PDB file of all heavy atoms in Angstrom:
ATOM      1  N   VAL A   1     -15.168  -2.403   9.605  1.00  0.00           N
ATOM      2  CA  VAL A   1     -15.120  -3.632   8.856  1.00  0.00           C
ATOM      3  C   VAL A   1     -15.659  -4.726   9.668  1.00  0.00           C
ATOM      4  O   VAL A   1     -15.820  -4.569  10.902  1.00  0.00           O
ATOM      5  CB  VAL A   1     -13.687  -4.012   8.351  1.00  0.00           C
ATOM      6  CG1 VAL A   1     -13.142  -3.033   7.434  1.00  0.00           C
ATOM      7  CG2 VAL A   1     -12.780  -4.132   9.580  1.00  0.00           C
ATOM      8  N   LYS A   2     -15.965  -5.869   9.127  1.00  0.00           N
ATOM      9  CA  LYS A   2     -16.509  -7.000   9.842  1.00  0.00           C
ATOM     10  C   LYS A   2     -15.431  -7.464  10.811  1.00  0.00           C
ATOM     11  O   LYS A   2     -14.228  -7.453  10.609  1.00  0.00           O
ATOM     12  CB  LYS A   2     -16.888  -8.107   8.950  1.00  0.00           C
ATOM     13  CG  LYS A   2     -18.093  -7.775   8.030  1.00  0.00           C
ATOM     14  CD  LYS A   2     -18.472  -8.938   7.242  1.00  0.00           C
ATOM     15  CE  LYS A   2     -19.712  -8.598   6.295  1.00  0.00           C
ATOM     16  NZ  LYS A   2     -20.085  -9.724   5.460  1.00  0.00           N
ATOM     17  N   ARG A   3     -15.886  -7.936  12.015  1.00  0.00           N
ATOM     18  CA  ARG A   3     -14.915  -8.272  13.033  1.00  0.00           C
ATOM     19  C   ARG A   3     -13.917  -9.303  12.566  1.00  0.00           C
ATOM     20  O   ARG A   3     -12.784  -9.191  13.113  1.00  0.00           O
ATOM     21  CB  ARG A   3     -15.720  -8.802  14.246  1.00  0.00           C
ATOM     22  CG  ARG A   3     -16.396  -7.710  14.971  1.00  0.00           C
ATOM     23  CD  ARG A   3     -17.209  -8.162  16.257  1.00  0.00           C
ATOM     24  NE  ARG A   3     -17.759  -7.067  16.965  1.00  0.00           N
ATOM     25  CZ  ARG A   3     -17.083  -6.487  18.060  1.00  0.00           C
ATOM     26  NH1 ARG A   3     -15.951  -6.951  18.416  1.00  0.00           N
ATOM     27  NH2 ARG A   3     -17.603  -5.534  18.668  1.00  0.00           N
ATOM     28  N   LYS A   4     -14.258 -10.193  11.720  1.00  0.00           N
ATOM     29  CA  LYS A   4     -13.351 -11.244  11.398  1.00  0.00           C
ATOM     30  C   LYS A   4     -12.121 -10.673  10.651  1.00  0.00           C
ATOM     31  O   LYS A   4     -10.983 -11.305  10.711  1.00  0.00           O
ATOM     32  CB  LYS A   4     -14.004 -12.342  10.552  1.00  0.00           C
ATOM     33  CG  LYS A   4     -14.487 -11.816   9.128  1.00  0.00           C
ATOM     34  CD  LYS A   4     -15.117 -12.886   8.378  1.00  0.00           C
ATOM     35  CE  LYS A   4     -15.575 -12.414   6.953  1.00  0.00           C
ATOM     36  NZ  LYS A   4     -16.234 -13.515   6.212  1.00  0.00           N
ATOM     37  N   MET A   5     -12.204  -9.479  10.095  1.00  0.00           N
ATOM     38  CA  MET A   5     -11.128  -8.870   9.430  1.00  0.00           C
ATOM     39  C   MET A   5     -10.101  -8.283  10.319  1.00  0.00           C
ATOM     40  O   MET A   5      -8.963  -8.055   9.969  1.00  0.00           O
ATOM     41  CB  MET A   5     -11.634  -7.824   8.447  1.00  0.00           C
ATOM     42  CG  MET A   5     -12.543  -8.279   7.317  1.00  0.00           C
ATOM     43  SD  MET A   5     -13.043  -6.966   6.157  1.00  0.00           S
ATOM     44  CE  MET A   5     -11.451  -6.515   5.487  1.00  0.00           C
ATOM     45  N   TYR A   6     -10.489  -8.067  11.604  1.00  0.00           N
ATOM     46  CA  TYR A   6      -9.561  -7.446  12.460  1.00  0.00           C
ATOM     47  C   TYR A   6      -8.409  -8.304  12.820  1.00  0.00           C
ATOM     48  O   TYR A   6      -7.336  -7.953  13.148  1.00  0.00           O
ATOM     49  CB  TYR A   6     -10.263  -7.055  13.851  1.00  0.00           C
ATOM     50  CG  TYR A   6     -11.131  -5.826  13.716  1.00  0.00           C
ATOM     51  CD1 TYR A   6     -12.512  -5.968  13.790  1.00  0.00           C
ATOM     52  CD2 TYR A   6     -10.602  -4.586  13.516  1.00  0.00           C
ATOM     53  CE1 TYR A   6     -13.361  -4.825  13.682  1.00  0.00           C
ATOM     54  CE2 TYR A   6     -11.394  -3.526  13.285  1.00  0.00           C
ATOM     55  CZ  TYR A   6     -12.792  -3.562  13.416  1.00  0.00           C
ATOM     56  OH  TYR A   6     -13.607  -2.461  13.305  1.00  0.00           O
ATOM     57  N   LYS A   7      -8.655  -9.695  12.690  1.00  0.00           N
ATOM     58  CA  LYS A   7      -7.491 -10.634  13.020  1.00  0.00           C
ATOM     59  C   LYS A   7      -6.294 -10.409  11.960  1.00  0.00           C
ATOM     60  O   LYS A   7      -5.235 -10.693  12.341  1.00  0.00           O
ATOM     61  CB  LYS A   7      -8.039 -12.029  12.890  1.00  0.00           C
ATOM     62  CG  LYS A   7      -8.651 -12.481  14.231  1.00  0.00           C
ATOM     63  CD  LYS A   7      -8.826 -14.086  14.128  1.00  0.00           C
ATOM     64  CE  LYS A   7      -9.331 -14.554  15.506  1.00  0.00           C
ATOM     65  NZ  LYS A   7      -9.562 -15.994  15.432  1.00  0.00           N
ATOM     66  N   GLN A   8      -6.594  -9.869  10.887  1.00  0.00           N
ATOM     67  CA  GLN A   8      -5.558  -9.628   9.993  1.00  0.00           C
ATOM     68  C   GLN A   8      -4.530  -8.525  10.494  1.00  0.00           C
ATOM     69  O   GLN A   8      -3.383  -8.469  10.032  1.00  0.00           O
ATOM     70  CB  GLN A   8      -6.100  -9.075   8.631  1.00  0.00           C
ATOM     71  CG  GLN A   8      -6.962 -10.060   7.866  1.00  0.00           C
ATOM     72  CD  GLN A   8      -7.499  -9.474   6.546  1.00  0.00           C
ATOM     73  OE1 GLN A   8      -6.726  -9.083   5.707  1.00  0.00           O
ATOM     74  NE2 GLN A   8      -8.820  -9.418   6.431  1.00  0.00           N
ATOM     75  N   LEU A   9      -4.917  -7.826  11.544  1.00  0.00           N
ATOM     76  CA  LEU A   9      -4.130  -6.740  12.079  1.00  0.00           C
ATOM     77  C   LEU A   9      -3.310  -7.320  13.261  1.00  0.00           C
ATOM     78  O   LEU A   9      -2.445  -6.649  13.726  1.00  0.00           O
ATOM     79  CB  LEU A   9      -5.049  -5.615  12.592  1.00  0.00           C
ATOM     80  CG  LEU A   9      -5.954  -4.985  11.582  1.00  0.00           C
ATOM     81  CD1 LEU A   9      -6.862  -3.997  12.335  1.00  0.00           C
ATOM     82  CD2 LEU A   9      -5.092  -4.249  10.513  1.00  0.00           C
ATOM     83  N   SER A  10      -3.543  -8.653  13.575  1.00  0.00           N
ATOM     84  CA  SER A  10      -2.821  -9.134  14.700  1.00  0.00           C
ATOM     85  C   SER A  10      -1.314  -9.369  14.418  1.00  0.00           C
ATOM     86  O   SER A  10      -0.937  -9.621  13.341  1.00  0.00           O
ATOM     87  CB  SER A  10      -3.441 -10.480  15.155  1.00  0.00           C
ATOM     88  OG  SER A  10      -2.614 -11.085  16.164  1.00  0.00           O
ATOM     89  N   THR A  11      -0.503  -9.080  15.440  1.00  0.00           N
ATOM     90  CA  THR A  11       0.921  -9.456  15.200  1.00  0.00           C
ATOM     91  C   THR A  11       1.327 -10.720  15.716  1.00  0.00           C
ATOM     92  O   THR A  11       2.554 -11.099  15.731  1.00  0.00           O
ATOM     93  CB  THR A  11       1.683  -8.323  16.113  1.00  0.00           C
ATOM     94  OG1 THR A  11       1.289  -8.435  17.500  1.00  0.00           O
ATOM     95  CG2 THR A  11       1.456  -6.919  15.591  1.00  0.00           C
ATOM     96  N   PHE A  12       0.356 -11.567  16.021  1.00  0.00           N
ATOM     97  CA  PHE A  12       0.591 -12.975  16.536  1.00  0.00           C
ATOM     98  C   PHE A  12      -0.054 -13.954  15.528  1.00  0.00           C
ATOM     99  O   PHE A  12      -1.040 -13.739  15.014  1.00  0.00           O
ATOM    100  CB  PHE A  12       0.021 -13.129  17.931  1.00  0.00           C
ATOM    101  CG  PHE A  12       0.463 -12.042  18.936  1.00  0.00           C
ATOM    102  CD1 PHE A  12      -0.410 -11.019  19.211  1.00  0.00           C
ATOM    103  CD2 PHE A  12       1.700 -12.078  19.370  1.00  0.00           C
ATOM    104  CE1 PHE A  12       0.019  -9.984  20.038  1.00  0.00           C
ATOM    105  CE2 PHE A  12       2.050 -11.129  20.288  1.00  0.00           C
ATOM    106  CZ  PHE A  12       1.257 -10.003  20.636  1.00  0.00           C
ATOM    107  N   GLN A  13       0.783 -15.126  15.353  1.00  0.00           N
ATOM    108  CA  GLN A  13       0.325 -16.112  14.530  1.00  0.00           C
ATOM    109  C   GLN A  13      -0.786 -17.074  15.174  1.00  0.00           C
ATOM    110  O   GLN A  13      -1.648 -17.548  14.532  1.00  0.00           O
ATOM    111  CB  GLN A  13       1.494 -16.999  14.041  1.00  0.00           C
ATOM    112  CG  GLN A  13       2.488 -16.199  13.213  1.00  0.00           C
ATOM    113  CD  GLN A  13       1.900 -15.560  12.032  1.00  0.00           C
ATOM    114  OE1 GLN A  13       1.194 -16.195  11.299  1.00  0.00           O
ATOM    115  NE2 GLN A  13       2.222 -14.288  11.808  1.00  0.00           N
ATOM    116  N   THR A  14      -0.623 -17.216  16.500  1.00  0.00           N
ATOM    117  CA  THR A  14      -1.506 -18.106  17.187  1.00  0.00           C
ATOM    118  C   THR A  14      -2.026 -17.465  18.520  1.00  0.00           C
ATOM    119  O   THR A  14      -1.347 -16.565  19.000  1.00  0.00           O
ATOM    120  CB  THR A  14      -0.908 -19.410  17.493  1.00  0.00           C
ATOM    121  OG1 THR A  14       0.205 -19.256  18.357  1.00  0.00           O
ATOM    122  CG2 THR A  14      -0.390 -20.125  16.208  1.00  0.00           C
ATOM    123  N   ASN A  15      -3.100 -18.001  19.079  1.00  0.00           N
ATOM    124  CA  ASN A  15      -3.591 -17.546  20.307  1.00  0.00           C
ATOM    125  C   ASN A  15      -2.493 -17.780  21.499  1.00  0.00           C
ATOM    126  O   ASN A  15      -2.302 -17.044  22.359  1.00  0.00           O
ATOM    127  CB  ASN A  15      -4.809 -18.185  20.768  1.00  0.00           C
ATOM    128  CG  ASN A  15      -6.037 -17.654  19.945  1.00  0.00           C
ATOM    129  OD1 ASN A  15      -5.992 -16.471  19.443  1.00  0.00           O
ATOM    130  ND2 ASN A  15      -7.058 -18.428  19.693  1.00  0.00           N
ATOM    131  N   ASP A  16      -1.865 -18.935  21.363  1.00  0.00           N
ATOM    132  CA  ASP A  16      -0.812 -19.410  22.404  1.00  0.00           C
ATOM    133  C   ASP A  16       0.333 -18.339  22.324  1.00  0.00           C
ATOM    134  O   ASP A  16       0.877 -17.956  23.354  1.00  0.00           O
ATOM    135  CB  ASP A  16      -0.313 -20.715  22.164  1.00  0.00           C
ATOM    136  CG  ASP A  16      -1.292 -21.854  22.601  1.00  0.00           C
ATOM    137  OD1 ASP A  16      -2.285 -21.488  23.382  1.00  0.00           O
ATOM    138  OD2 ASP A  16      -1.187 -22.951  22.073  1.00  0.00           O
ATOM    139  N   GLN A  17       0.793 -17.945  21.118  1.00  0.00           N
ATOM    140  CA  GLN A  17       1.853 -16.933  21.032  1.00  0.00           C
ATOM    141  C   GLN A  17       1.437 -15.622  21.669  1.00  0.00           C
ATOM    142  O   GLN A  17       2.202 -14.982  22.413  1.00  0.00           O
ATOM    143  CB  GLN A  17       2.217 -16.725  19.557  1.00  0.00           C
ATOM    144  CG  GLN A  17       3.345 -15.798  19.416  1.00  0.00           C
ATOM    145  CD  GLN A  17       3.585 -15.266  17.976  1.00  0.00           C
ATOM    146  OE1 GLN A  17       2.792 -15.634  17.070  1.00  0.00           O
ATOM    147  NE2 GLN A  17       4.572 -14.565  17.719  1.00  0.00           N
ATOM    148  N   PHE A  18       0.178 -15.263  21.373  1.00  0.00           N
ATOM    149  CA  PHE A  18      -0.361 -13.990  22.030  1.00  0.00           C
ATOM    150  C   PHE A  18      -0.284 -14.068  23.478  1.00  0.00           C
ATOM    151  O   PHE A  18       0.193 -13.174  24.220  1.00  0.00           O
ATOM    152  CB  PHE A  18      -1.772 -13.660  21.537  1.00  0.00           C
ATOM    153  CG  PHE A  18      -2.555 -12.664  22.350  1.00  0.00           C
ATOM    154  CD1 PHE A  18      -2.069 -11.443  22.456  1.00  0.00           C
ATOM    155  CD2 PHE A  18      -3.725 -13.036  22.972  1.00  0.00           C
ATOM    156  CE1 PHE A  18      -2.710 -10.495  23.272  1.00  0.00           C
ATOM    157  CE2 PHE A  18      -4.447 -12.141  23.722  1.00  0.00           C
ATOM    158  CZ  PHE A  18      -3.872 -10.901  23.906  1.00  0.00           C
ATOM    159  N   LYS A  19      -0.757 -15.185  24.129  1.00  0.00           N
ATOM    160  CA  LYS A  19      -0.830 -15.263  25.513  1.00  0.00           C
ATOM    161  C   LYS A  19       0.572 -15.321  26.175  1.00  0.00           C
ATOM    162  O   LYS A  19       0.851 -14.698  27.232  1.00  0.00           O
ATOM    163  CB  LYS A  19      -1.665 -16.598  25.950  1.00  0.00           C
ATOM    164  CG  LYS A  19      -3.081 -16.443  25.560  1.00  0.00           C
ATOM    165  CD  LYS A  19      -3.804 -17.816  25.846  1.00  0.00           C
ATOM    166  CE  LYS A  19      -5.276 -17.717  25.387  1.00  0.00           C
ATOM    167  NZ  LYS A  19      -5.914 -18.984  25.610  1.00  0.00           N
ATOM    168  N   ASN A  20       1.510 -16.054  25.465  1.00  0.00           N
ATOM    169  CA  ASN A  20       2.831 -16.060  26.048  1.00  0.00           C
ATOM    170  C   ASN A  20       3.449 -14.697  25.991  1.00  0.00           C
ATOM    171  O   ASN A  20       4.221 -14.308  27.025  1.00  0.00           O
ATOM    172  CB  ASN A  20       3.681 -17.022  25.174  1.00  0.00           C
ATOM    173  CG  ASN A  20       3.338 -18.430  25.403  1.00  0.00           C
ATOM    174  OD1 ASN A  20       2.694 -18.813  26.524  1.00  0.00           O
ATOM    175  ND2 ASN A  20       3.582 -19.296  24.503  1.00  0.00           N
ATOM    176  N   GLU A  21       3.342 -13.896  24.960  1.00  0.00           N
ATOM    177  CA  GLU A  21       3.911 -12.585  24.918  1.00  0.00           C
ATOM    178  C   GLU A  21       3.300 -11.698  25.981  1.00  0.00           C
ATOM    179  O   GLU A  21       4.003 -10.843  26.572  1.00  0.00           O
ATOM    180  CB  GLU A  21       3.740 -12.017  23.525  1.00  0.00           C
ATOM    181  CG  GLU A  21       4.523 -12.747  22.308  1.00  0.00           C
ATOM    182  CD  GLU A  21       5.959 -12.586  22.445  1.00  0.00           C
ATOM    183  OE1 GLU A  21       6.422 -11.546  22.944  1.00  0.00           O
ATOM    184  OE2 GLU A  21       6.648 -13.497  22.079  1.00  0.00           O
ATOM    185  N   VAL A  22       1.989 -11.776  26.167  1.00  0.00           N
ATOM    186  CA  VAL A  22       1.257 -10.941  27.101  1.00  0.00           C
ATOM    187  C   VAL A  22       1.838 -11.299  28.501  1.00  0.00           C
ATOM    188  O   VAL A  22       2.014 -10.418  29.317  1.00  0.00           O
ATOM    189  CB  VAL A  22      -0.241 -11.166  27.088  1.00  0.00           C
ATOM    190  CG1 VAL A  22      -0.956 -10.592  28.311  1.00  0.00           C
ATOM    191  CG2 VAL A  22      -0.720 -10.467  25.838  1.00  0.00           C
ATOM    192  N   ARG A  23       2.017 -12.652  28.779  1.00  0.00           N
ATOM    193  CA  ARG A  23       2.622 -12.986  30.067  1.00  0.00           C
ATOM    194  C   ARG A  23       3.964 -12.314  30.353  1.00  0.00           C
ATOM    195  O   ARG A  23       4.259 -11.902  31.501  1.00  0.00           O
ATOM    196  CB  ARG A  23       2.716 -14.494  30.170  1.00  0.00           C
ATOM    197  CG  ARG A  23       1.431 -15.223  30.232  1.00  0.00           C
ATOM    198  CD  ARG A  23       1.588 -16.763  30.667  1.00  0.00           C
ATOM    199  NE  ARG A  23       0.417 -17.466  30.467  1.00  0.00           N
ATOM    200  CZ  ARG A  23       0.050 -18.238  29.466  1.00  0.00           C
ATOM    201  NH1 ARG A  23       0.909 -18.323  28.448  1.00  0.00           N
ATOM    202  NH2 ARG A  23      -1.114 -18.861  29.448  1.00  0.00           N
ATOM    203  N   GLN A  24       4.733 -12.275  29.257  1.00  0.00           N
ATOM    204  CA  GLN A  24       6.035 -11.572  29.504  1.00  0.00           C
ATOM    205  C   GLN A  24       5.919 -10.047  29.769  1.00  0.00           C
ATOM    206  O   GLN A  24       6.568  -9.582  30.610  1.00  0.00           O
ATOM    207  CB  GLN A  24       6.916 -11.734  28.148  1.00  0.00           C
ATOM    208  CG  GLN A  24       7.318 -13.155  27.972  1.00  0.00           C
ATOM    209  CD  GLN A  24       8.320 -13.348  26.811  1.00  0.00           C
ATOM    210  OE1 GLN A  24       9.421 -12.798  26.828  1.00  0.00           O
ATOM    211  NE2 GLN A  24       7.876 -14.023  25.762  1.00  0.00           N
ATOM    212  N   HIS A  25       5.000  -9.406  29.070  1.00  0.00           N
ATOM    213  CA  HIS A  25       4.643  -8.016  29.310  1.00  0.00           C
ATOM    214  C   HIS A  25       4.306  -7.787  30.805  1.00  0.00           C
ATOM    215  O   HIS A  25       4.835  -6.936  31.536  1.00  0.00           O
ATOM    216  CB  HIS A  25       3.564  -7.520  28.440  1.00  0.00           C
ATOM    217  CG  HIS A  25       3.984  -7.163  27.054  1.00  0.00           C
ATOM    218  ND1 HIS A  25       4.981  -6.314  26.751  1.00  0.00           N
ATOM    219  CD2 HIS A  25       3.456  -7.623  25.842  1.00  0.00           C
ATOM    220  CE1 HIS A  25       5.127  -6.115  25.506  1.00  0.00           C
ATOM    221  NE2 HIS A  25       4.183  -6.928  24.849  1.00  0.00           N
ATOM    222  N   LEU A  26       3.357  -8.711  31.239  1.00  0.00           N
ATOM    223  CA  LEU A  26       2.894  -8.496  32.667  1.00  0.00           C
ATOM    224  C   LEU A  26       4.037  -8.822  33.652  1.00  0.00           C
ATOM    225  O   LEU A  26       4.085  -8.296  34.729  1.00  0.00           O
ATOM    226  CB  LEU A  26       1.744  -9.530  32.846  1.00  0.00           C
ATOM    227  CG  LEU A  26       0.497  -9.141  32.044  1.00  0.00           C
ATOM    228  CD1 LEU A  26      -0.565 -10.259  32.244  1.00  0.00           C
ATOM    229  CD2 LEU A  26      -0.077  -7.834  32.408  1.00  0.00           C
TER     230      LEU A  26
END
């Protein structure tokens, strides 16, 4: 599918949420 559709698979609402969760993983 087109790349823009991949965002629908994201488990995060915002980029900041994604970055914060990744920081916790790390």
